[in-house]
Amino acid sequence: MSARPFNQVITSFRFGTLNDDLTKALQELTNKCADTGRAGSLTLSLTLKPGKGGQIEIIDDIKMKLPKEERGTTLMFATPEGNLQRDDPRQLKLDGLRSVDQETGELKKVS
């Protein structure tokens, strides 16, 4: 007796909708992995429950672990009062600094 190939059996689960769900999940996972350059996973779990009349109930569960996008961070400085701010409170200020506008070339006073 030869075993029926797995791919033939699985296409009949839930009248073919399991196969459709897996196809969509694999496509989503593939795109996310390609976009992020990070790994992800797709897991299909099948639970088989035998019944009294020779039938077998099959419960499927699809789990997908999508890769997370890389997020930036923020650097801030703590003040003596325990507050956070963008500027280093220990950095001395230089008076009279000017910057050049990149588009017009005009000098701007930096405050």
N, C-alpha and C. Protein backbone atom coordinates (compact mmCIF):
# COMPACT_ATOMS: atom_id res chain seq x y z
N MET A 1 0.85 -1.17 0.00
CA MET A 1 0.00 0.00 0.00
C MET A 1 0.90 1.24 0.00
N SER A 2 0.70 2.10 -0.96
CA SER A 2 1.54 3.29 -1.02
C SER A 2 0.82 4.48 -0.37
N ALA A 3 1.62 5.34 0.22
CA ALA A 3 1.06 6.52 0.89
C ALA A 3 0.68 7.58 -0.14
N ARG A 4 -0.44 8.21 0.09
CA ARG A 4 -0.88 9.31 -0.77
C ARG A 4 0.04 10.50 -0.49
N PRO A 5 0.58 11.17 -1.50
CA PRO A 5 1.50 12.29 -1.28
C PRO A 5 0.85 13.40 -0.44
N PHE A 6 1.66 13.96 0.46
CA PHE A 6 1.21 14.99 1.40
C PHE A 6 0.57 16.17 0.67
N ASN A 7 1.21 16.63 -0.41
CA ASN A 7 0.68 17.81 -1.11
C ASN A 7 -0.69 17.54 -1.72
N GLN A 8 -1.00 16.31 -2.07
CA GLN A 8 -2.33 15.97 -2.58
C GLN A 8 -3.36 15.96 -1.45
N VAL A 9 -2.96 15.48 -0.29
CA VAL A 9 -3.88 15.42 0.85
C VAL A 9 -4.20 16.82 1.35
N ILE A 10 -3.17 17.64 1.50
CA ILE A 10 -3.37 18.96 2.12
C ILE A 10 -4.24 19.88 1.26
N THR A 11 -4.23 19.68 -0.06
CA THR A 11 -5.07 20.54 -0.91
C THR A 11 -6.56 20.27 -0.71
N SER A 12 -6.90 19.14 -0.08
CA SER A 12 -8.32 18.84 0.16
C SER A 12 -8.79 19.31 1.54
N PHE A 13 -7.88 19.72 2.41
CA PHE A 13 -8.28 20.18 3.75
C PHE A 13 -9.12 21.45 3.63
N ARG A 14 -10.18 21.49 4.40
CA ARG A 14 -11.12 22.63 4.42
C ARG A 14 -11.54 23.02 3.00
N PHE A 15 -11.79 22.02 2.18
CA PHE A 15 -12.24 22.22 0.79
C PHE A 15 -11.28 23.11 -0.01
N GLY A 16 -9.99 22.99 0.29
CA GLY A 16 -8.97 23.74 -0.45
C GLY A 16 -8.61 25.09 0.16
N THR A 17 -9.35 25.52 1.16
CA THR A 17 -9.06 26.86 1.72
C THR A 17 -7.78 26.87 2.56
N LEU A 18 -7.40 25.73 3.14
CA LEU A 18 -6.13 25.69 3.88
C LEU A 18 -4.98 25.96 2.92
N ASN A 19 -5.03 25.33 1.76
CA ASN A 19 -3.98 25.56 0.76
C ASN A 19 -3.93 27.03 0.35
N ASP A 20 -5.10 27.66 0.17
CA ASP A 20 -5.16 29.09 -0.17
C ASP A 20 -4.56 29.94 0.95
N ASP A 21 -4.92 29.62 2.20
CA ASP A 21 -4.40 30.37 3.35
C ASP A 21 -2.88 30.26 3.45
N LEU A 22 -2.37 29.05 3.23
CA LEU A 22 -0.91 28.84 3.28
C LEU A 22 -0.20 29.59 2.16
N THR A 23 -0.80 29.60 0.99
CA THR A 23 -0.21 30.32 -0.15
C THR A 23 -0.11 31.82 0.16
N LYS A 24 -1.20 32.38 0.69
CA LYS A 24 -1.19 33.81 1.05
C LYS A 24 -0.19 34.11 2.15
N ALA A 25 -0.14 33.24 3.16
CA ALA A 25 0.78 33.45 4.28
C ALA A 25 2.23 33.37 3.81
N LEU A 26 2.53 32.41 2.94
CA LEU A 26 3.90 32.28 2.43
C LEU A 26 4.29 33.48 1.60
N GLN A 27 3.37 33.99 0.81
CA GLN A 27 3.65 35.17 0.00
C GLN A 27 3.91 36.39 0.89
N GLU A 28 3.08 36.57 1.92
CA GLU A 28 3.26 37.70 2.84
C GLU A 28 4.60 37.60 3.56
N LEU A 29 4.92 36.40 4.02
CA LEU A 29 6.19 36.19 4.72
C LEU A 29 7.38 36.43 3.80
N THR A 30 7.29 35.94 2.58
CA THR A 30 8.37 36.13 1.61
C THR A 30 8.61 37.61 1.35
N ASN A 31 7.54 38.36 1.13
CA ASN A 31 7.67 39.80 0.88
C ASN A 31 8.28 40.53 2.06
N LYS A 32 7.83 40.20 3.27
CA LYS A 32 8.33 40.87 4.47
C LYS A 32 9.81 40.55 4.69
N CYS A 33 10.20 39.30 4.48
CA CYS A 33 11.61 38.92 4.63
C CYS A 33 12.48 39.63 3.59
N ALA A 34 11.98 39.72 2.37
CA ALA A 34 12.73 40.41 1.30
C ALA A 34 12.86 41.90 1.61
N ASP A 35 11.78 42.51 2.13
CA ASP A 35 11.80 43.94 2.44
C ASP A 35 12.73 44.28 3.59
N THR A 36 12.76 43.44 4.60
CA THR A 36 13.53 43.75 5.81
C THR A 36 14.93 43.15 5.81
N GLY A 37 15.15 42.12 4.99
CA GLY A 37 16.43 41.43 5.02
C GLY A 37 16.60 40.58 6.28
N ARG A 38 15.50 40.26 6.91
CA ARG A 38 15.52 39.49 8.16
C ARG A 38 14.73 38.20 8.00
N ALA A 39 14.97 37.25 8.90
CA ALA A 39 14.32 35.94 8.83
C ALA A 39 12.94 35.97 9.47
N GLY A 40 12.08 35.10 8.99
CA GLY A 40 10.76 34.89 9.55
C GLY A 40 10.45 33.40 9.47
N SER A 41 9.28 33.00 9.95
CA SER A 41 8.93 31.58 9.88
C SER A 41 7.43 31.40 9.67
N LEU A 42 7.11 30.25 9.11
CA LEU A 42 5.73 29.85 8.87
C LEU A 42 5.60 28.41 9.37
N THR A 43 4.63 28.18 10.25
CA THR A 43 4.46 26.86 10.84
C THR A 43 3.02 26.40 10.62
N LEU A 44 2.89 25.19 10.12
CA LEU A 44 1.59 24.56 9.99
C LEU A 44 1.53 23.43 11.01
N SER A 45 0.51 23.47 11.85
CA SER A 45 0.31 22.43 12.85
C SER A 45 -0.99 21.70 12.52
N LEU A 46 -0.93 20.38 12.49
CA LEU A 46 -2.11 19.56 12.23
C LEU A 46 -2.38 18.68 13.44
N THR A 47 -3.61 18.74 13.93
CA THR A 47 -4.03 17.88 15.03
C THR A 47 -5.08 16.93 14.48
N LEU A 48 -4.86 15.65 14.67
CA LEU A 48 -5.79 14.64 14.19
C LEU A 48 -6.52 14.01 15.37
N LYS A 49 -7.88 14.04 15.32
CA LYS A 49 -8.70 13.48 16.39
C LYS A 49 -9.56 12.35 15.80
N PRO A 50 -9.24 11.11 16.17
CA PRO A 50 -10.04 9.99 15.65
C PRO A 50 -11.45 9.98 16.27
N GLY A 51 -12.42 9.68 15.44
CA GLY A 51 -13.80 9.54 15.91
C GLY A 51 -14.16 8.07 16.06
N LYS A 52 -15.35 7.80 16.55
CA LYS A 52 -15.78 6.42 16.82
C LYS A 52 -16.17 5.66 15.56
N GLY A 53 -16.53 6.36 14.51
CA GLY A 53 -17.00 5.70 13.29
C GLY A 53 -15.94 5.56 12.22
N GLY A 54 -14.66 5.70 12.57
CA GLY A 54 -13.59 5.56 11.59
C GLY A 54 -13.15 6.87 10.95
N GLN A 55 -13.89 7.93 11.25
CA GLN A 55 -13.50 9.22 10.69
C GLN A 55 -12.38 9.85 11.52
N ILE A 56 -11.67 10.80 10.93
CA ILE A 56 -10.62 11.54 11.63
C ILE A 56 -10.86 13.02 11.38
N GLU A 57 -11.01 13.76 12.47
CA GLU A 57 -11.17 15.21 12.39
C GLU A 57 -9.77 15.83 12.38
N ILE A 58 -9.55 16.75 11.44
CA ILE A 58 -8.23 17.40 11.33
C ILE A 58 -8.40 18.88 11.62
N ILE A 59 -7.66 19.35 12.61
CA ILE A 59 -7.68 20.77 13.00
C ILE A 59 -6.32 21.34 12.61
N ASP A 60 -6.36 22.37 11.77
CA ASP A 60 -5.11 22.99 11.34
C ASP A 60 -4.91 24.33 12.03
N ASP A 61 -3.65 24.70 12.19
CA ASP A 61 -3.31 25.99 12.79
C ASP A 61 -2.08 26.52 12.05
N ILE A 62 -2.20 27.72 11.51
CA ILE A 62 -1.10 28.36 10.80
C ILE A 62 -0.55 29.46 11.70
N LYS A 63 0.75 29.40 11.95
CA LYS A 63 1.41 30.45 12.73
C LYS A 63 2.50 31.06 11.88
N MET A 64 2.52 32.38 11.88
CA MET A 64 3.51 33.09 11.09
C MET A 64 4.25 34.05 12.00
N LYS A 65 5.56 34.01 11.95
CA LYS A 65 6.38 34.96 12.69
C LYS A 65 7.05 35.86 11.66
N LEU A 66 6.47 37.07 11.52
CA LEU A 66 7.00 38.03 10.55
C LEU A 66 8.22 38.73 11.12
N PRO A 67 9.20 39.01 10.29
CA PRO A 67 10.36 39.76 10.78
C PRO A 67 9.96 41.18 11.12
N LYS A 68 10.59 41.73 12.13
CA LYS A 68 10.30 43.10 12.53
C LYS A 68 11.17 44.06 11.73
N GLU A 69 10.57 45.19 11.39
CA GLU A 69 11.31 46.24 10.70
C GLU A 69 12.34 46.84 11.65
N GLU A 70 13.48 47.21 11.10
CA GLU A 70 14.48 47.87 11.93
C GLU A 70 14.00 49.29 12.20
N ARG A 71 14.04 49.66 13.47
CA ARG A 71 13.59 51.00 13.86
C ARG A 71 14.78 51.78 14.35
N GLY A 72 14.72 53.07 14.15
CA GLY A 72 15.78 53.95 14.63
C GLY A 72 15.67 54.16 16.13
N THR A 73 16.67 54.81 16.67
CA THR A 73 16.68 55.14 18.09
C THR A 73 16.78 56.65 18.25
N THR A 74 16.64 57.11 19.46
CA THR A 74 16.76 58.52 19.77
C THR A 74 17.82 58.69 20.84
N LEU A 75 18.72 59.64 20.62
CA LEU A 75 19.72 59.97 21.62
C LEU A 75 19.28 61.24 22.34
N MET A 76 19.25 61.17 23.64
CA MET A 76 18.88 62.33 24.44
C MET A 76 19.83 62.42 25.62
N PHE A 77 19.79 63.53 26.30
CA PHE A 77 20.66 63.78 27.45
C PHE A 77 19.82 64.03 28.68
N ALA A 78 20.29 63.51 29.80
CA ALA A 78 19.59 63.71 31.07
C ALA A 78 20.10 65.00 31.72
N THR A 79 19.17 65.82 32.20
CA THR A 79 19.53 67.03 32.93
C THR A 79 19.69 66.67 34.41
N PRO A 80 20.31 67.54 35.20
CA PRO A 80 20.43 67.26 36.63
C PRO A 80 19.07 67.08 37.32
N GLU A 81 18.01 67.67 36.73
CA GLU A 81 16.66 67.55 37.31
C GLU A 81 15.98 66.25 36.91
N GLY A 82 16.62 65.45 36.06
CA GLY A 82 16.03 64.18 35.64
C GLY A 82 15.15 64.28 34.41
N ASN A 83 15.28 65.35 33.65
CA ASN A 83 14.52 65.51 32.41
C ASN A 83 15.38 65.07 31.23
N LEU A 84 14.74 64.76 30.12
CA LEU A 84 15.45 64.41 28.90
C LEU A 84 15.34 65.55 27.90
N GLN A 85 16.46 65.82 27.21
CA GLN A 85 16.44 66.85 26.19
C GLN A 85 17.42 66.47 25.09
N ARG A 86 17.24 67.07 23.91
CA ARG A 86 18.08 66.75 22.76
C ARG A 86 19.50 67.31 22.89
N ASP A 87 19.65 68.48 23.52
CA ASP A 87 20.96 69.12 23.65
C ASP A 87 21.65 68.65 24.92
N ASP A 88 22.96 68.45 24.83
CA ASP A 88 23.77 68.07 25.98
C ASP A 88 23.85 69.26 26.93
N PRO A 89 23.34 69.16 28.15
CA PRO A 89 23.35 70.30 29.06
C PRO A 89 24.78 70.69 29.49
N ARG A 90 25.75 69.82 29.28
CA ARG A 90 27.14 70.13 29.64
C ARG A 90 27.89 70.84 28.52
N GLN A 91 27.30 70.85 27.30
CA GLN A 91 27.96 71.46 26.15
C GLN A 91 27.90 72.98 26.24
N LEU A 92 29.04 73.62 26.09
CA LEU A 92 29.09 75.08 26.11
C LEU A 92 28.49 75.64 24.83
N LYS A 93 27.86 76.80 24.94
CA LYS A 93 27.27 77.48 23.79
C LYS A 93 28.30 78.45 23.23
N LEU A 94 28.37 78.52 21.91
CA LEU A 94 29.27 79.47 21.26
C LEU A 94 28.43 80.61 20.69
N ASP A 95 28.73 81.82 21.11
CA ASP A 95 27.99 82.98 20.63
C ASP A 95 28.49 83.40 19.25
N GLY A 96 27.58 83.94 18.44
CA GLY A 96 27.94 84.51 17.15
C GLY A 96 28.09 83.50 16.02
N LEU A 97 27.68 82.27 16.20
CA LEU A 97 27.79 81.29 15.12
C LEU A 97 26.76 81.57 14.04
N ARG A 98 27.16 81.32 12.80
CA ARG A 98 26.25 81.48 11.68
C ARG A 98 26.33 80.24 10.81
N SER A 99 25.25 79.92 10.16
CA SER A 99 25.25 78.79 9.23
C SER A 99 24.86 79.29 7.85
N VAL A 100 25.17 78.49 6.85
CA VAL A 100 24.86 78.86 5.47
C VAL A 100 23.64 78.08 5.03
N ASP A 101 22.64 78.81 4.48
CA ASP A 101 21.45 78.16 3.93
C ASP A 101 21.90 77.36 2.70
N GLN A 102 21.59 76.08 2.67
CA GLN A 102 22.05 75.21 1.60
C GLN A 102 21.45 75.56 0.24
N GLU A 103 20.26 76.13 0.22
CA GLU A 103 19.61 76.46 -1.05
C GLU A 103 20.02 77.83 -1.57
N THR A 104 20.05 78.83 -0.70
CA THR A 104 20.30 80.19 -1.16
C THR A 104 21.74 80.63 -0.98
N GLY A 105 22.49 79.99 -0.11
CA GLY A 105 23.87 80.39 0.16
C GLY A 105 23.97 81.55 1.13
N GLU A 106 22.82 82.01 1.67
CA GLU A 106 22.82 83.14 2.60
C GLU A 106 23.25 82.68 3.99
N LEU A 107 23.86 83.59 4.71
CA LEU A 107 24.25 83.32 6.08
C LEU A 107 23.05 83.48 7.00
N LYS A 108 22.93 82.60 7.98
CA LYS A 108 21.86 82.67 8.97
C LYS A 108 22.50 82.69 10.34
N LYS A 109 21.91 83.44 11.24
CA LYS A 109 22.38 83.44 12.62
C LYS A 109 21.83 82.22 13.32
N VAL A 110 22.70 81.50 14.00
CA VAL A 110 22.31 80.31 14.76
C VAL A 110 22.03 80.72 16.18
N SER A 111 20.86 80.31 16.69
CA SER A 111 20.56 80.69 18.08
C SER A 111 20.70 79.54 19.01
